[in-house]
């Protein structure tokens, strides 16, 4: 019998609630499919700041490295807005991604037929796209800082304090993530869209050069390009036309949230962060910590439960268990159960976080 070691990082806000739901489902599907899972919990983010004075304790990072996969809730909240930038809870996410060597973030956006009415788009037929986001380069990891300037602006005022963040990408960083985009497109609809800002940014022009270099290796994949501002419009205008989008760290961060909303709720979107073979992947819902609803039972656990299904598929190769979870979620939605974020009224059955989890377990 296979036994897997899972590092659990509940985080802050609703993170502990939704990860607890996902663990219940993982335990149930493991028993059903004949394998075992052990879970080791680590504090990261705001909760780690409160206890250890740092958002990413070394012991937590080492524990994640020693696991087969990492299940993450969400980090951050206004409670820690005043801490110095280097110690903000969100720095823990960057540290985990860099420390685990996770450079590829997969964010599927799938419109469940049962949730079509929850989409803010009118007459939407089908949305099934995958955003492949580069994770360890770009502006989030570039040089940043502040300095004082006596330079005078055109209106006569002095610049004063200047803050800067640098967008920087290497050929190697771009090539490995673009290849991931082509690889996933081959397994889906064979269409890849590179999203950039090549009319302005030199780093984006390098993205296009490398995509053009790699494209002949994948003659079956139709390759096109969109500027990020145009892509944000086209996701609203023609979302069904997209298959796989590959893009930079910041652009992917923004576009994946937009894709989440047009599918009905960001509370439905899972994600996976992957690195080289043998590296433990990290799985988390796309939504944030939502401290305003923490402890109220309003949190939707489905994004984290679907992230757990991705964990089974991509890190553990337990595809049957992954399929069972996804089918149970779909059946739960088909039976009308809805947390507040996806509740639309007539015919829906309102449930809280724990009740939604139980409904999935029953259908599993």
Protein backbone atom coordinates (compact mmCIF):
# COMPACT_ATOMS: atom_id res chain seq x y z
CA UNK A 1 0.00 0.00 0.00
CA UNK A 2 1.39 3.40 -1.01
CA UNK A 3 1.79 5.96 1.77
CA UNK A 4 2.17 9.66 0.99
CA UNK A 5 3.40 12.47 3.21
CA UNK A 6 1.49 15.73 2.76
CA UNK A 7 2.63 19.04 4.24
CA UNK A 8 -0.38 21.17 5.19
CA UNK A 9 -0.03 24.95 5.37
CA UNK A 10 -3.43 26.29 6.53
CA UNK A 11 -2.31 29.92 6.65
CA UNK A 12 -4.65 32.71 7.69
CA UNK A 13 -8.29 33.80 7.47
CA UNK A 14 -10.41 31.07 5.90
CA UNK A 15 -7.30 29.02 5.08
CA UNK A 16 -7.63 26.65 8.07
CA UNK A 17 -11.32 26.04 7.31
CA UNK A 18 -10.91 25.14 3.64
CA UNK A 19 -7.78 23.03 4.13
CA UNK A 20 -9.58 21.09 6.88
CA UNK A 21 -12.35 20.35 4.37
CA UNK A 22 -9.87 19.19 1.75
CA UNK A 23 -8.11 16.90 4.24
CA UNK A 24 -11.43 15.24 5.11
CA UNK A 25 -12.00 14.52 1.44
CA UNK A 26 -8.44 13.29 0.90
CA UNK A 27 -8.71 10.88 3.82
CA UNK A 28 -12.00 9.52 2.51
CA UNK A 29 -10.78 9.00 -1.05
CA UNK A 30 -7.53 7.41 0.18
CA UNK A 31 -9.54 4.84 2.16
CA UNK A 32 -11.75 4.21 -0.85
CA UNK A 33 -8.85 3.76 -3.30
CA UNK A 34 -6.50 1.80 -1.06
CA UNK A 35 -3.62 4.12 -0.22
CA UNK A 36 -2.60 6.06 2.89
CA UNK A 37 -1.82 9.72 3.54
CA UNK A 38 -0.17 11.35 6.52
CA UNK A 39 -0.53 15.08 7.18
CA UNK A 40 1.98 17.39 8.90
CA UNK A 41 0.85 20.95 9.60
CA UNK A 42 3.11 24.02 9.44
CA UNK A 43 2.47 27.66 10.28
CA UNK A 44 3.27 30.07 7.45
CA UNK A 45 2.15 33.64 6.75
CA UNK A 46 0.51 35.85 9.34
CA UNK A 47 0.11 33.05 11.86
CA UNK A 48 3.86 32.39 11.65
CA UNK A 49 4.60 36.09 12.12
CA UNK A 50 2.52 36.05 15.30
CA UNK A 51 4.27 32.98 16.70
CA UNK A 52 7.79 33.14 15.27
CA UNK A 53 8.23 36.72 14.06
CA UNK A 54 8.79 35.56 10.46
CA UNK A 55 6.30 34.57 7.71
CA UNK A 56 8.29 31.52 6.58
CA UNK A 57 10.16 29.68 9.37
CA UNK A 58 12.99 27.49 8.12
CA UNK A 59 11.39 24.43 9.76
CA UNK A 60 8.25 24.96 7.66
CA UNK A 61 10.22 25.20 4.44
CA UNK A 62 12.23 22.09 5.28
CA UNK A 63 9.06 20.21 6.18
CA UNK A 64 7.52 21.11 2.84
CA UNK A 65 10.68 20.02 1.02
CA UNK A 66 10.54 16.63 2.75
CA UNK A 67 6.94 15.98 1.71
CA UNK A 68 5.40 14.39 -1.38
CA UNK A 69 3.17 17.43 -1.89
CA UNK A 70 2.06 20.61 -0.15
CA UNK A 71 -1.56 21.66 0.47
CA UNK A 72 -1.86 25.41 1.11
CA UNK A 73 -4.83 27.47 2.28
CA UNK A 74 -4.29 31.23 2.01
CA UNK A 75 -2.11 33.81 3.74
CA UNK A 76 -2.35 37.45 4.72
CA UNK A 77 -4.87 39.92 6.03
CA UNK A 78 -5.14 43.53 7.23
CA UNK A 79 -3.81 42.53 10.65
CA UNK A 80 -0.31 42.41 9.17
CA UNK A 81 -0.51 45.37 6.78
CA UNK A 82 1.81 47.45 8.94
CA UNK A 83 4.71 44.99 9.14
CA UNK A 84 7.83 45.82 7.13
CA UNK A 85 7.67 44.72 3.46
CA UNK A 86 10.27 41.95 3.82
CA UNK A 87 8.16 40.32 6.55
CA UNK A 88 4.71 40.59 5.01
CA UNK A 89 2.73 37.30 5.00
CA UNK A 90 2.71 37.23 1.20
CA UNK A 91 6.52 36.98 1.18
CA UNK A 92 6.04 33.46 2.53
CA UNK A 93 4.38 32.43 -0.74
CA UNK A 94 7.29 33.77 -2.76
CA UNK A 95 9.69 32.04 -0.38
CA UNK A 96 7.89 28.71 -0.67
CA UNK A 97 7.80 28.87 -4.46
CA UNK A 98 11.47 29.80 -4.70
CA UNK A 99 12.55 27.40 -1.93
CA UNK A 100 10.74 24.47 -3.53
CA UNK A 101 11.83 25.39 -7.05
CA UNK A 102 8.25 25.80 -8.26
CA UNK A 103 8.30 27.76 -11.50
CA UNK A 104 5.05 26.68 -13.19
CA UNK A 105 1.65 27.70 -11.82
CA UNK A 106 -1.36 25.97 -13.37
CA UNK A 107 -4.69 27.73 -12.95
CA UNK A 108 -7.60 26.02 -14.73
CA UNK A 109 -10.75 28.05 -15.27
CA UNK A 110 -13.69 25.74 -15.93
CA UNK A 111 -17.30 26.85 -16.06
CA UNK A 112 -19.38 24.09 -14.48
CA UNK A 113 -22.64 23.79 -16.41
CA UNK A 114 -24.48 23.92 -13.09
CA UNK A 115 -22.95 27.36 -12.33
CA UNK A 116 -23.57 29.07 -15.67
CA UNK A 117 -26.13 31.36 -14.01
CA UNK A 118 -23.50 32.50 -11.50
CA UNK A 119 -21.22 33.84 -14.22
CA UNK A 120 -21.37 37.64 -14.61
CA UNK A 121 -21.23 37.13 -18.39
CA UNK A 122 -24.47 36.95 -20.37
CA UNK A 123 -25.27 33.90 -22.50
CA UNK A 124 -21.92 32.25 -21.81
CA UNK A 125 -21.81 28.76 -23.31
CA UNK A 126 -18.56 27.15 -22.22
CA UNK A 127 -15.30 28.17 -20.56
CA UNK A 128 -12.47 25.66 -20.22
CA UNK A 129 -9.06 27.26 -20.25
CA UNK A 130 -5.74 26.81 -18.49
CA UNK A 131 -3.48 29.66 -17.44
CA UNK A 132 0.18 28.64 -17.16
CA UNK A 133 1.84 31.35 -15.06
CA UNK A 134 5.60 31.73 -14.56
CA UNK A 135 6.25 31.77 -10.82
CA UNK A 136 9.84 32.59 -9.88
CA UNK A 137 10.86 35.48 -12.13
CA UNK A 138 9.59 38.86 -13.23
CA UNK A 139 8.72 41.94 -11.25
CA UNK A 140 7.91 40.09 -8.01
CA UNK A 141 11.49 38.84 -7.80
CA UNK A 142 13.32 41.71 -9.51
CA UNK A 143 15.33 44.45 -7.84
CA UNK A 144 13.20 46.84 -5.81
CA UNK A 145 13.71 49.69 -3.42
CA UNK A 146 13.32 53.42 -2.73
CA UNK A 147 15.49 56.50 -2.92
CA UNK A 148 15.12 60.28 -2.68
CA UNK A 149 15.43 62.45 -5.78
CA UNK A 150 15.88 66.20 -6.18
CA UNK A 151 14.98 66.07 -9.87
CA UNK A 152 12.31 68.51 -10.98
CA UNK A 153 9.18 67.43 -12.86
CA UNK A 154 7.67 69.30 -15.81
CA UNK A 155 5.28 71.20 -13.55
CA UNK A 156 8.11 72.45 -11.34
CA UNK A 157 7.51 70.06 -8.43
CA UNK A 158 10.32 67.90 -7.01
CA UNK A 159 10.20 64.13 -7.45
CA UNK A 160 11.01 63.44 -3.80
CA UNK A 161 10.74 59.78 -2.80
CA UNK A 162 10.96 57.29 -5.69
CA UNK A 163 9.99 53.61 -5.50
CA UNK A 164 10.97 51.06 -8.13
CA UNK A 165 10.36 47.40 -8.99
CA UNK A 166 12.22 45.76 -11.87
CA UNK A 167 10.77 43.33 -14.42
CA UNK A 168 13.55 40.95 -15.42
CA UNK A 169 13.46 37.59 -17.21
CA UNK A 170 16.21 35.30 -18.45
CA UNK A 171 16.07 33.14 -21.56
CA UNK A 172 16.13 29.99 -19.44
CA UNK A 173 13.24 31.11 -17.24
CA UNK A 174 11.09 31.94 -20.26
CA UNK A 175 11.96 28.83 -22.25
CA UNK A 176 11.04 26.35 -19.53
CA UNK A 177 7.62 27.93 -18.87
CA UNK A 178 6.79 28.39 -22.57
CA UNK A 179 7.60 24.71 -23.11
CA UNK A 180 5.16 23.92 -20.31
CA UNK A 181 2.54 25.93 -22.18
CA UNK A 182 3.13 23.96 -25.39
CA UNK A 183 3.12 20.67 -23.47
CA UNK A 184 -0.25 21.33 -21.85
CA UNK A 185 -1.71 22.64 -25.11
CA UNK A 186 -0.78 19.34 -26.77
CA UNK A 187 -2.90 17.51 -24.19
CA UNK A 188 -5.86 19.86 -24.57
CA UNK A 189 -7.14 21.83 -27.57
CA UNK A 190 -3.73 22.40 -29.22
CA UNK A 191 -3.97 26.19 -29.01
CA UNK A 192 -1.48 28.35 -27.11
CA UNK A 193 -1.74 32.09 -26.47
CA UNK A 194 1.31 33.97 -25.24
CA UNK A 195 0.21 37.04 -23.27
CA UNK A 196 2.68 39.91 -22.92
CA UNK A 197 3.18 43.64 -23.44
CA UNK A 198 5.68 43.42 -26.28
CA UNK A 199 4.76 46.83 -27.67
CA UNK A 200 6.29 48.41 -24.56
CA UNK A 201 8.42 45.94 -22.58
CA UNK A 202 11.78 44.55 -23.72
CA UNK A 203 11.26 41.50 -21.48
CA UNK A 204 8.02 40.74 -23.37
CA UNK A 205 9.83 40.93 -26.69
CA UNK A 206 12.19 38.23 -25.43
CA UNK A 207 9.15 36.08 -24.54
CA UNK A 208 7.98 36.32 -28.16
CA UNK A 209 11.40 35.51 -29.59
CA UNK A 210 11.65 32.36 -27.50
CA UNK A 211 8.08 31.27 -28.27
CA UNK A 212 8.83 31.62 -31.98
CA UNK A 213 12.00 29.54 -31.55
CA UNK A 214 10.15 26.71 -29.76
CA UNK A 215 7.00 26.68 -31.92
CA UNK A 216 8.42 24.53 -34.78
CA UNK A 217 8.88 21.69 -32.27
CA UNK A 218 5.09 21.64 -31.79
CA UNK A 219 3.64 21.96 -35.31
CA UNK A 220 0.21 20.76 -34.13
CA UNK A 221 -0.19 23.68 -31.72
CA UNK A 222 -1.67 26.92 -33.06
CA UNK A 223 0.33 29.77 -31.51
CA UNK A 224 -0.89 33.34 -31.16
CA UNK A 225 -0.10 36.42 -29.10
CA UNK A 226 -2.14 39.00 -27.19
CA UNK A 227 -1.12 42.11 -25.30
CA UNK A 228 -2.20 41.74 -21.69
CA UNK A 229 -4.68 44.65 -21.85
CA UNK A 230 -6.33 43.18 -24.94
CA UNK A 231 -6.37 39.72 -23.37
CA UNK A 232 -8.21 41.06 -20.33
CA UNK A 233 -10.90 42.34 -22.70
CA UNK A 234 -11.05 39.20 -24.83
CA UNK A 235 -11.51 36.99 -21.76
CA UNK A 236 -14.78 38.85 -21.27
CA UNK A 237 -15.70 39.10 -24.95
CA UNK A 238 -14.86 35.56 -26.16
CA UNK A 239 -13.78 33.35 -23.22
CA UNK A 240 -14.73 30.13 -25.04
CA UNK A 241 -12.02 30.75 -27.66
CA UNK A 242 -9.13 30.28 -25.22
CA UNK A 243 -7.38 26.98 -24.55
CA UNK A 244 -3.98 27.52 -22.87
CA UNK A 245 -2.52 30.90 -21.91
CA UNK A 246 1.14 31.16 -20.93
CA UNK A 247 2.36 34.38 -19.38
CA UNK A 248 4.58 36.12 -16.86
CA UNK A 249 4.28 36.15 -13.10
CA UNK A 250 2.36 39.42 -12.66
CA UNK A 251 0.18 39.13 -15.76
CA UNK A 252 -0.76 35.57 -14.81
CA UNK A 253 -1.60 36.67 -11.28
CA UNK A 254 -4.07 39.24 -12.59
CA UNK A 255 -5.60 37.32 -15.49
CA UNK A 256 -6.23 34.16 -13.47
CA UNK A 257 -8.36 36.12 -10.99
CA UNK A 258 -10.37 37.55 -13.87
CA UNK A 259 -10.80 34.07 -15.33
CA UNK A 260 -11.99 32.90 -11.92
CA UNK A 261 -14.75 35.46 -11.74
CA UNK A 262 -16.14 34.82 -15.21
CA UNK A 263 -16.56 31.13 -14.33
CA UNK A 264 -18.93 32.07 -11.51
CA UNK A 265 -16.79 32.46 -8.41
CA UNK A 266 -13.15 32.69 -7.50
CA UNK A 267 -14.13 30.32 -4.70
CA UNK A 268 -14.27 27.54 -7.31
CA UNK A 269 -10.76 27.82 -8.74
CA UNK A 270 -7.95 25.42 -7.79
CA UNK A 271 -4.28 25.79 -8.72
CA UNK A 272 -1.06 23.80 -8.81
CA UNK A 273 2.52 25.05 -8.59
CA UNK A 274 5.02 22.61 -10.06
CA UNK A 275 8.77 22.37 -10.52
CA UNK A 276 11.22 19.83 -11.86
CA UNK A 277 10.35 16.11 -11.62
CA UNK A 278 10.77 14.90 -8.05
CA UNK A 279 9.98 18.31 -6.58
CA UNK A 280 6.95 18.40 -4.26
CA UNK A 281 4.18 20.37 -5.92
CA UNK A 282 2.16 22.95 -4.00
CA UNK A 283 -1.63 23.08 -4.36
CA UNK A 284 -3.87 25.95 -3.28
CA UNK A 285 -7.14 27.69 -4.06
CA UNK A 286 -6.80 30.84 -6.14
CA UNK A 287 -8.86 32.88 -3.66
CA UNK A 288 -7.30 34.83 -0.80
CA UNK A 289 -7.63 34.57 2.96
CA UNK A 290 -10.96 36.50 3.12
CA UNK A 291 -10.58 37.45 6.80
CA UNK A 292 -13.96 39.20 6.73
CA UNK A 293 -15.75 35.83 6.52
CA UNK A 294 -13.32 33.71 8.55
CA UNK A 295 -15.17 31.66 11.14
CA UNK A 296 -18.62 32.46 9.72
CA UNK A 297 -19.08 29.24 7.73
CA UNK A 298 -19.44 31.22 4.48
CA UNK A 299 -16.20 30.05 2.86
CA UNK A 300 -16.51 27.86 -0.23
CA UNK A 301 -14.27 24.78 0.25
CA UNK A 302 -14.62 23.53 -3.33
CA UNK A 303 -11.57 25.34 -4.74
CA UNK A 304 -9.37 23.72 -2.10
CA UNK A 305 -11.05 20.33 -2.55
CA UNK A 306 -10.42 20.60 -6.30
CA UNK A 307 -6.83 21.63 -5.54
CA UNK A 308 -6.56 18.38 -3.56
CA UNK A 309 -7.76 16.53 -6.65
CA UNK A 310 -4.99 18.20 -8.65
CA UNK A 311 -2.51 17.14 -5.93
CA UNK A 312 -3.56 13.52 -6.35
CA UNK A 313 -3.25 13.73 -10.14
CA UNK A 314 -0.06 15.74 -10.63
CA UNK A 315 2.10 14.82 -7.61
CA UNK A 316 0.92 11.36 -6.60
CA UNK A 317 -0.34 9.93 -9.90
CA UNK A 318 -3.50 8.74 -8.14
CA UNK A 319 -5.70 9.56 -11.12
CA UNK A 320 -8.67 7.40 -10.07
CA UNK A 321 -8.90 9.21 -6.73
CA UNK A 322 -8.62 12.57 -8.48
CA UNK A 323 -11.42 11.64 -10.90
CA UNK A 324 -13.63 10.56 -8.00
CA UNK A 325 -13.25 13.88 -6.19
CA UNK A 326 -13.96 15.91 -9.32
CA UNK A 327 -17.05 13.79 -10.05
CA UNK A 328 -18.27 14.20 -6.45
CA UNK A 329 -17.92 17.99 -6.68
CA UNK A 330 -19.80 18.07 -9.97
CA UNK A 331 -22.61 15.90 -8.54
CA UNK A 332 -22.83 18.11 -5.44
CA UNK A 333 -23.30 21.16 -7.65
CA UNK A 334 -25.78 19.32 -9.87
CA UNK A 335 -27.82 18.51 -6.76
CA UNK A 336 -28.13 22.24 -6.08
CA UNK A 337 -25.97 22.80 -3.01
CA UNK A 338 -24.45 26.27 -2.84
CA UNK A 339 -22.27 28.28 -0.46
CA UNK A 340 -23.06 32.03 -0.38
CA UNK A 341 -20.58 32.97 -3.12
CA UNK A 342 -22.35 30.78 -5.71
CA UNK A 343 -25.92 31.00 -4.35
CA UNK A 344 -28.28 32.52 -6.93
CA UNK A 345 -31.69 31.93 -5.37
CA UNK A 346 -34.43 29.84 -6.95
CA UNK A 347 -33.71 26.12 -6.81
CA UNK A 348 -30.44 26.48 -4.91
CA UNK A 349 -29.94 24.89 -1.50
CA UNK A 350 -27.86 27.13 0.79
CA UNK A 351 -25.15 25.39 2.81
CA UNK A 352 -22.20 26.47 4.93
CA UNK A 353 -18.57 25.36 4.65
CA UNK A 354 -18.85 22.16 6.67
CA UNK A 355 -22.20 21.20 5.12
CA UNK A 356 -20.77 21.59 1.60
CA UNK A 357 -17.87 19.37 2.62
CA UNK A 358 -20.27 16.71 3.93
CA UNK A 359 -22.28 16.81 0.70
CA UNK A 360 -19.12 16.13 -1.30
CA UNK A 361 -18.17 13.30 1.06
CA UNK A 362 -21.62 11.72 0.71
CA UNK A 363 -21.32 11.74 -3.09
CA UNK A 364 -17.77 10.45 -2.97
